């Protein structure tokens, strides 16, 4: 199931300039997604490019690699400052990890130093929580906050693709849970231990998902982010 943009949603981003961190990962797909919503999508590779955007997307990929490259290209601290200043940011999969304040199982470098994050979301995430690449799966999710897309039968579920996705193990008091994977809906249900796992959250102007809406044709998560930028939701 995909949700191509309607005539209204295809222009919701008009006039906005949305950056996508383009160091590694599936940044091109995110650029295409925001452009389908009428916004201008730009790849971000230098600190100065952060000054001319209305929002930022941190894509899926390898969170450790994005972390290292962000520090090498001197983007890490500027991104942290922009988040602290209120820049709207959406992180998918690896992007969720990089927005988290805490990682339950951080990777370490050869010196034993744990990977770093940009932070901003008062959550604890677990990397590769649903399993490795061969354990990738798809499922439909009830997703809060998409009332703008409601039809005669209500809001359609979000078809989510999980590829080595994280889950959220702790949320702070200011974090809203938007979606969870219920027991029996993952590829290997024993990884859930009978518990629903949090896979989408929002806190103020920060949004994060464990899954990849940019690869399925699901446009509503990006539209939600654009509406957050505009202050409509």
C-alpha atoms as a PDB file:
ATOM      1  CA  UNK A   1       0.000   0.000   0.000  1.00  0.00           C
ATOM      2  CA  UNK A   2       1.282   3.427  -0.911  1.00  0.00           C
ATOM      3  CA  UNK A   3      -0.145   6.866  -0.382  1.00  0.00           C
ATOM      4  CA  UNK A   4       0.688   9.099  -3.332  1.00  0.00           C
ATOM      5  CA  UNK A   5       0.211  12.777  -2.624  1.00  0.00           C
ATOM      6  CA  UNK A   6      -3.192  14.255  -3.268  1.00  0.00           C
ATOM      7  CA  UNK A   7      -3.511  17.543  -5.086  1.00  0.00           C
ATOM      8  CA  UNK A   8      -3.546  19.310  -1.712  1.00  0.00           C
ATOM      9  CA  UNK A   9      -0.639  17.398  -0.150  1.00  0.00           C
ATOM     10  CA  UNK A  10       1.515  17.782  -3.264  1.00  0.00           C
ATOM     11  CA  UNK A  11       1.715  21.526  -2.545  1.00  0.00           C
ATOM     12  CA  UNK A  12       1.760  21.514   1.266  1.00  0.00           C
ATOM     13  CA  UNK A  13       5.519  22.110   1.268  1.00  0.00           C
ATOM     14  CA  UNK A  14       5.422  24.971  -1.212  1.00  0.00           C
ATOM     15  CA  UNK A  15       7.876  27.705  -0.271  1.00  0.00           C
ATOM     16  CA  UNK A  16       9.812  25.563   2.201  1.00  0.00           C
ATOM     17  CA  UNK A  17      13.454  24.580   1.874  1.00  0.00           C
ATOM     18  CA  UNK A  18      14.148  21.276   3.617  1.00  0.00           C
ATOM     19  CA  UNK A  19      17.653  19.962   4.066  1.00  0.00           C
ATOM     20  CA  UNK A  20      18.548  16.273   4.065  1.00  0.00           C
ATOM     21  CA  UNK A  21      21.835  15.279   5.671  1.00  0.00           C
ATOM     22  CA  UNK A  22      23.664  13.821   2.674  1.00  0.00           C
ATOM     23  CA  UNK A  23      26.751  12.193   4.137  1.00  0.00           C
ATOM     24  CA  UNK A  24      25.610   8.566   3.845  1.00  0.00           C
ATOM     25  CA  UNK A  25      22.405   6.573   3.585  1.00  0.00           C
ATOM     26  CA  UNK A  26      19.221   6.980   1.541  1.00  0.00           C
ATOM     27  CA  UNK A  27      19.190  10.784   1.466  1.00  0.00           C
ATOM     28  CA  UNK A  28      18.125  10.902  -2.207  1.00  0.00           C
ATOM     29  CA  UNK A  29      14.847   9.143  -1.419  1.00  0.00           C
ATOM     30  CA  UNK A  30      14.059  11.713   1.269  1.00  0.00           C
ATOM     31  CA  UNK A  31      14.813  14.561  -1.113  1.00  0.00           C
ATOM     32  CA  UNK A  32      12.381  13.044  -3.622  1.00  0.00           C
ATOM     33  CA  UNK A  33       9.739  12.657  -0.880  1.00  0.00           C
ATOM     34  CA  UNK A  34       9.819  16.305   0.216  1.00  0.00           C
ATOM     35  CA  UNK A  35       9.859  17.456  -3.394  1.00  0.00           C
ATOM     36  CA  UNK A  36       6.735  15.348  -4.032  1.00  0.00           C
ATOM     37  CA  UNK A  37       5.114  17.439  -1.307  1.00  0.00           C
ATOM     38  CA  UNK A  38       6.053  20.671  -3.061  1.00  0.00           C
ATOM     39  CA  UNK A  39       9.075  21.649  -0.951  1.00  0.00           C
ATOM     40  CA  UNK A  40      12.602  22.257  -2.176  1.00  0.00           C
ATOM     41  CA  UNK A  41      14.905  19.438  -1.039  1.00  0.00           C
ATOM     42  CA  UNK A  42      18.620  20.104  -0.648  1.00  0.00           C
ATOM     43  CA  UNK A  43      21.503  17.861   0.352  1.00  0.00           C
ATOM     44  CA  UNK A  44      23.423  19.097   3.391  1.00  0.00           C
ATOM     45  CA  UNK A  45      27.177  18.433   3.481  1.00  0.00           C
ATOM     46  CA  UNK A  46      28.626  21.664   4.912  1.00  0.00           C
ATOM     47  CA  UNK A  47      27.831  23.643   8.069  1.00  0.00           C
ATOM     48  CA  UNK A  48      26.967  26.816   6.147  1.00  0.00           C
ATOM     49  CA  UNK A  49      24.178  24.962   4.323  1.00  0.00           C
ATOM     50  CA  UNK A  50      22.281  24.601   7.616  1.00  0.00           C
ATOM     51  CA  UNK A  51      21.649  28.344   7.734  1.00  0.00           C
ATOM     52  CA  UNK A  52      19.217  28.443   4.831  1.00  0.00           C
ATOM     53  CA  UNK A  53      16.740  25.655   5.628  1.00  0.00           C
ATOM     54  CA  UNK A  54      13.337  25.425   7.314  1.00  0.00           C
ATOM     55  CA  UNK A  55      13.796  21.852   8.500  1.00  0.00           C
ATOM     56  CA  UNK A  56      16.281  18.989   8.426  1.00  0.00           C
ATOM     57  CA  UNK A  57      15.927  15.258   7.751  1.00  0.00           C
ATOM     58  CA  UNK A  58      18.476  12.728   9.019  1.00  0.00           C
ATOM     59  CA  UNK A  59      18.123   9.661   6.783  1.00  0.00           C
ATOM     60  CA  UNK A  60      18.455   5.947   7.296  1.00  0.00           C
ATOM     61  CA  UNK A  61      21.848   4.367   6.795  1.00  0.00           C
ATOM     62  CA  UNK A  62      24.632   3.478   9.225  1.00  0.00           C
ATOM     63  CA  UNK A  63      24.335   5.582  12.361  1.00  0.00           C
ATOM     64  CA  UNK A  64      27.998   5.024  13.266  1.00  0.00           C
ATOM     65  CA  UNK A  65      29.149   6.133   9.821  1.00  0.00           C
ATOM     66  CA  UNK A  66      26.917   9.209   9.788  1.00  0.00           C
ATOM     67  CA  UNK A  67      28.188  10.096  13.270  1.00  0.00           C
ATOM     68  CA  UNK A  68      31.834   9.840  12.190  1.00  0.00           C
ATOM     69  CA  UNK A  69      31.333  11.731   8.939  1.00  0.00           C
ATOM     70  CA  UNK A  70      29.330  14.481  10.667  1.00  0.00           C
ATOM     71  CA  UNK A  71      32.276  15.086  12.979  1.00  0.00           C
ATOM     72  CA  UNK A  72      34.813  14.907  10.140  1.00  0.00           C
ATOM     73  CA  UNK A  73      32.820  17.457   8.099  1.00  0.00           C
ATOM     74  CA  UNK A  74      32.332  19.616  11.219  1.00  0.00           C
ATOM     75  CA  UNK A  75      28.561  19.271  11.038  1.00  0.00           C
ATOM     76  CA  UNK A  76      27.880  17.575  14.374  1.00  0.00           C
ATOM     77  CA  UNK A  77      28.095  20.603  16.656  1.00  0.00           C
ATOM     78  CA  UNK A  78      26.227  22.936  14.244  1.00  0.00           C
ATOM     79  CA  UNK A  79      23.406  20.371  13.997  1.00  0.00           C
ATOM     80  CA  UNK A  80      23.242  20.122  17.802  1.00  0.00           C
ATOM     81  CA  UNK A  81      23.034  23.913  18.036  1.00  0.00           C
ATOM     82  CA  UNK A  82      20.291  24.065  15.395  1.00  0.00           C
ATOM     83  CA  UNK A  83      18.271  21.415  17.248  1.00  0.00           C
ATOM     84  CA  UNK A  84      18.687  23.337  20.512  1.00  0.00           C
ATOM     85  CA  UNK A  85      17.553  26.500  18.710  1.00  0.00           C
ATOM     86  CA  UNK A  86      14.312  24.838  17.591  1.00  0.00           C
ATOM     87  CA  UNK A  87      15.032  23.698  14.037  1.00  0.00           C
ATOM     88  CA  UNK A  88      12.433  21.051  13.066  1.00  0.00           C
ATOM     89  CA  UNK A  89      14.191  17.726  12.469  1.00  0.00           C
ATOM     90  CA  UNK A  90      12.921  14.336  11.297  1.00  0.00           C
ATOM     91  CA  UNK A  91      15.059  11.218  11.695  1.00  0.00           C
ATOM     92  CA  UNK A  92      14.255   7.839  10.098  1.00  0.00           C
ATOM     93  CA  UNK A  93      15.922   4.595  11.274  1.00  0.00           C
ATOM     94  CA  UNK A  94      19.570   5.661  11.733  1.00  0.00           C
ATOM     95  CA  UNK A  95      18.210   9.188  12.025  1.00  0.00           C
ATOM     96  CA  UNK A  96      16.152   8.124  15.043  1.00  0.00           C
ATOM     97  CA  UNK A  97      19.319   6.799  16.698  1.00  0.00           C
ATOM     98  CA  UNK A  98      21.152  10.057  15.989  1.00  0.00           C
ATOM     99  CA  UNK A  99      18.325  12.137  17.488  1.00  0.00           C
ATOM    100  CA  UNK A 100      18.179  10.057  20.671  1.00  0.00           C
ATOM    101  CA  UNK A 101      19.753  11.353  23.864  1.00  0.00           C
ATOM    102  CA  UNK A 102      20.726   7.794  24.847  1.00  0.00           C
ATOM    103  CA  UNK A 103      21.654   4.554  23.053  1.00  0.00           C
ATOM    104  CA  UNK A 104      21.174   1.334  25.013  1.00  0.00           C
ATOM    105  CA  UNK A 105      23.855  -0.494  23.032  1.00  0.00           C
ATOM    106  CA  UNK A 106      26.184   2.077  21.437  1.00  0.00           C
ATOM    107  CA  UNK A 107      28.854   0.964  19.015  1.00  0.00           C
ATOM    108  CA  UNK A 108      32.436   1.720  20.031  1.00  0.00           C
ATOM    109  CA  UNK A 109      35.481   2.700  18.008  1.00  0.00           C
ATOM    110  CA  UNK A 110      38.903   1.042  18.180  1.00  0.00           C
ATOM    111  CA  UNK A 111      39.757   3.150  21.230  1.00  0.00           C
ATOM    112  CA  UNK A 112      36.597   2.049  23.012  1.00  0.00           C
ATOM    113  CA  UNK A 113      34.816   5.384  22.664  1.00  0.00           C
ATOM    114  CA  UNK A 114      31.039   5.065  22.213  1.00  0.00           C
ATOM    115  CA  UNK A 115      29.346   6.515  19.166  1.00  0.00           C
ATOM    116  CA  UNK A 116      27.898   9.982  19.543  1.00  0.00           C
ATOM    117  CA  UNK A 117      24.475  11.379  18.718  1.00  0.00           C
ATOM    118  CA  UNK A 118      23.109  14.822  17.943  1.00  0.00           C
ATOM    119  CA  UNK A 119      20.510  14.324  20.665  1.00  0.00           C
ATOM    120  CA  UNK A 120      17.393  16.380  21.308  1.00  0.00           C
ATOM    121  CA  UNK A 121      14.883  13.562  21.837  1.00  0.00           C
ATOM    122  CA  UNK A 122      14.546  12.394  25.437  1.00  0.00           C
ATOM    123  CA  UNK A 123      14.509   8.726  24.474  1.00  0.00           C
ATOM    124  CA  UNK A 124      16.680   5.630  24.759  1.00  0.00           C
ATOM    125  CA  UNK A 125      16.977   3.546  21.590  1.00  0.00           C
ATOM    126  CA  UNK A 126      18.337   0.071  20.898  1.00  0.00           C
ATOM    127  CA  UNK A 127      20.225  -0.385  17.630  1.00  0.00           C
ATOM    128  CA  UNK A 128      19.301  -3.204  15.212  1.00  0.00           C
ATOM    129  CA  UNK A 129      16.633  -4.188  17.722  1.00  0.00           C
ATOM    130  CA  UNK A 130      14.423  -6.113  15.291  1.00  0.00           C
ATOM    131  CA  UNK A 131      17.329  -8.148  13.916  1.00  0.00           C
ATOM    132  CA  UNK A 132      19.781  -8.056  11.060  1.00  0.00           C
ATOM    133  CA  UNK A 133      19.219  -7.450   7.339  1.00  0.00           C
ATOM    134  CA  UNK A 134      17.710 -10.903   6.696  1.00  0.00           C
ATOM    135  CA  UNK A 135      15.121 -10.244   9.404  1.00  0.00           C
ATOM    136  CA  UNK A 136      13.745  -7.128   7.718  1.00  0.00           C
ATOM    137  CA  UNK A 137       9.953  -7.059   7.594  1.00  0.00           C
ATOM    138  CA  UNK A 138       6.898  -5.011   6.659  1.00  0.00           C
ATOM    139  CA  UNK A 139       3.752  -4.367   8.665  1.00  0.00           C
ATOM    140  CA  UNK A 140       0.836  -1.932   8.939  1.00  0.00           C
ATOM    141  CA  UNK A 141       0.856   0.509  11.839  1.00  0.00           C
ATOM    142  CA  UNK A 142      -1.761   2.665  13.515  1.00  0.00           C
ATOM    143  CA  UNK A 143      -0.030   6.042  13.458  1.00  0.00           C
ATOM    144  CA  UNK A 144      -1.194   8.998  15.550  1.00  0.00           C
ATOM    145  CA  UNK A 145      -1.133  12.519  14.144  1.00  0.00           C
ATOM    146  CA  UNK A 146      -2.245  11.809  10.587  1.00  0.00           C
ATOM    147  CA  UNK A 147      -5.796  13.087  10.948  1.00  0.00           C
ATOM    148  CA  UNK A 148      -5.180  15.511   8.089  1.00  0.00           C
ATOM    149  CA  UNK A 149      -5.239  12.457   5.783  1.00  0.00           C
ATOM    150  CA  UNK A 150      -8.531  11.032   7.060  1.00  0.00           C
ATOM    151  CA  UNK A 151     -11.061   9.824   4.512  1.00  0.00           C
ATOM    152  CA  UNK A 152     -14.582   8.533   4.846  1.00  0.00           C
ATOM    153  CA  UNK A 153     -13.358   5.443   6.676  1.00  0.00           C
ATOM    154  CA  UNK A 154     -10.887   7.287   8.897  1.00  0.00           C
ATOM    155  CA  UNK A 155      -7.107   7.294   8.777  1.00  0.00           C
ATOM    156  CA  UNK A 156      -5.493   4.464   6.826  1.00  0.00           C
ATOM    157  CA  UNK A 157      -2.671   2.590   8.580  1.00  0.00           C
ATOM    158  CA  UNK A 158       0.923   3.336   7.654  1.00  0.00           C
ATOM    159  CA  UNK A 159       2.669   0.544   5.765  1.00  0.00           C
ATOM    160  CA  UNK A 160       6.092   0.419   7.385  1.00  0.00           C
ATOM    161  CA  UNK A 161       9.305  -1.252   6.227  1.00  0.00           C
ATOM    162  CA  UNK A 162      11.844  -2.134   8.923  1.00  0.00           C
ATOM    163  CA  UNK A 163      15.445  -2.705   7.791  1.00  0.00           C
ATOM    164  CA  UNK A 164      17.740  -3.365  10.751  1.00  0.00           C
ATOM    165  CA  UNK A 165      15.537  -0.899  12.564  1.00  0.00           C
ATOM    166  CA  UNK A 166      15.931   0.359  16.137  1.00  0.00           C
ATOM    167  CA  UNK A 167      13.165   0.557  18.685  1.00  0.00           C
ATOM    168  CA  UNK A 168      12.605   2.946  21.582  1.00  0.00           C
ATOM    169  CA  UNK A 169      13.042   1.470  25.057  1.00  0.00           C
ATOM    170  CA  UNK A 170      12.384   4.626  27.098  1.00  0.00           C
ATOM    171  CA  UNK A 171      10.542   7.871  26.476  1.00  0.00           C
ATOM    172  CA  UNK A 172      10.816  10.999  28.556  1.00  0.00           C
ATOM    173  CA  UNK A 173       7.793  12.904  29.872  1.00  0.00           C
ATOM    174  CA  UNK A 174       7.729  15.301  26.911  1.00  0.00           C
ATOM    175  CA  UNK A 175       7.778  12.607  24.232  1.00  0.00           C
ATOM    176  CA  UNK A 176       4.598  11.437  22.482  1.00  0.00           C
ATOM    177  CA  UNK A 177       4.389   7.865  21.210  1.00  0.00           C
ATOM    178  CA  UNK A 178       2.969   7.850  17.672  1.00  0.00           C
ATOM    179  CA  UNK A 179       3.222   4.178  16.668  1.00  0.00           C
ATOM    180  CA  UNK A 180       4.144   0.762  18.050  1.00  0.00           C
ATOM    181  CA  UNK A 181       4.764  -2.678  16.584  1.00  0.00           C
ATOM    182  CA  UNK A 182       2.505  -5.158  18.351  1.00  0.00           C
ATOM    183  CA  UNK A 183       3.592  -8.706  19.265  1.00  0.00           C
ATOM    184  CA  UNK A 184       3.120 -11.038  16.317  1.00  0.00           C
ATOM    185  CA  UNK A 185       3.746  -8.318  13.731  1.00  0.00           C
ATOM    186  CA  UNK A 186       7.550  -8.549  13.501  1.00  0.00           C
ATOM    187  CA  UNK A 187       9.509 -11.017  11.392  1.00  0.00           C
ATOM    188  CA  UNK A 188      10.822 -12.788  14.488  1.00  0.00           C
ATOM    189  CA  UNK A 189       8.202 -12.276  17.161  1.00  0.00           C
ATOM    190  CA  UNK A 190      10.412 -13.709  19.885  1.00  0.00           C
ATOM    191  CA  UNK A 191      12.483 -10.501  19.722  1.00  0.00           C
ATOM    192  CA  UNK A 192       9.464  -8.610  21.087  1.00  0.00           C
ATOM    193  CA  UNK A 193       9.156 -10.830  24.183  1.00  0.00           C
ATOM    194  CA  UNK A 194       5.420 -10.301  24.125  1.00  0.00           C
ATOM    195  CA  UNK A 195       5.702  -6.516  24.328  1.00  0.00           C
ATOM    196  CA  UNK A 196       4.702  -3.784  21.904  1.00  0.00           C
ATOM    197  CA  UNK A 197       7.737  -1.842  20.728  1.00  0.00           C
ATOM    198  CA  UNK A 198       7.759   1.906  20.143  1.00  0.00           C
ATOM    199  CA  UNK A 199       8.733   2.800  16.574  1.00  0.00           C
ATOM    200  CA  UNK A 200       7.619   6.422  16.104  1.00  0.00           C
ATOM    201  CA  UNK A 201       7.817   9.379  18.471  1.00  0.00           C
ATOM    202  CA  UNK A 202       7.472  13.122  18.512  1.00  0.00           C
ATOM    203  CA  UNK A 203       8.652  15.801  20.899  1.00  0.00           C
ATOM    204  CA  UNK A 204       7.872  19.378  19.960  1.00  0.00           C
ATOM    205  CA  UNK A 205       9.456  19.993  16.559  1.00  0.00           C
ATOM    206  CA  UNK A 206      11.377  16.707  16.526  1.00  0.00           C
ATOM    207  CA  UNK A 207       9.990  13.581  14.825  1.00  0.00           C
ATOM    208  CA  UNK A 208      11.532  10.116  14.536  1.00  0.00           C
ATOM    209  CA  UNK A 209      10.562   6.754  13.065  1.00  0.00           C
ATOM    210  CA  UNK A 210      12.293   3.361  13.170  1.00  0.00           C
ATOM    211  CA  UNK A 211      11.106   2.612   9.658  1.00  0.00           C
ATOM    212  CA  UNK A 212      11.597   3.996   6.151  1.00  0.00           C
ATOM    213  CA  UNK A 213       8.524   5.755   4.703  1.00  0.00           C
ATOM    214  CA  UNK A 214      10.721   7.134   1.935  1.00  0.00           C
ATOM    215  CA  UNK A 215      11.137   3.690   0.340  1.00  0.00           C
ATOM    216  CA  UNK A 216       7.472   2.615   0.213  1.00  0.00           C
ATOM    217  CA  UNK A 217       5.727   5.581  -1.377  1.00  0.00           C
ATOM    218  CA  UNK A 218       4.146   6.477   1.990  1.00  0.00           C
ATOM    219  CA  UNK A 219       4.045  10.277   1.832  1.00  0.00           C
ATOM    220  CA  UNK A 220       2.099  11.124   4.981  1.00  0.00           C
ATOM    221  CA  UNK A 221       5.019  10.985   7.435  1.00  0.00           C
ATOM    222  CA  UNK A 222       6.879  13.596   5.410  1.00  0.00           C
ATOM    223  CA  UNK A 223       3.693  15.609   5.152  1.00  0.00           C
ATOM    224  CA  UNK A 224       3.333  15.443   8.936  1.00  0.00           C
ATOM    225  CA  UNK A 225       6.869  16.779   9.249  1.00  0.00           C
ATOM    226  CA  UNK A 226       6.114  19.599   6.825  1.00  0.00           C
ATOM    227  CA  UNK A 227       2.990  20.499   8.787  1.00  0.00           C
ATOM    228  CA  UNK A 228       5.124  20.519  11.945  1.00  0.00           C
ATOM    229  CA  UNK A 229       7.477  22.977  10.258  1.00  0.00           C
ATOM    230  CA  UNK A 230       4.514  25.191   9.404  1.00  0.00           C
ATOM    231  CA  UNK A 231       3.190  24.941  12.966  1.00  0.00           C
ATOM    232  CA  UNK A 232      -0.099  23.408  11.822  1.00  0.00           C
ATOM    233  CA  UNK A 233       0.121  20.304  14.044  1.00  0.00           C
END
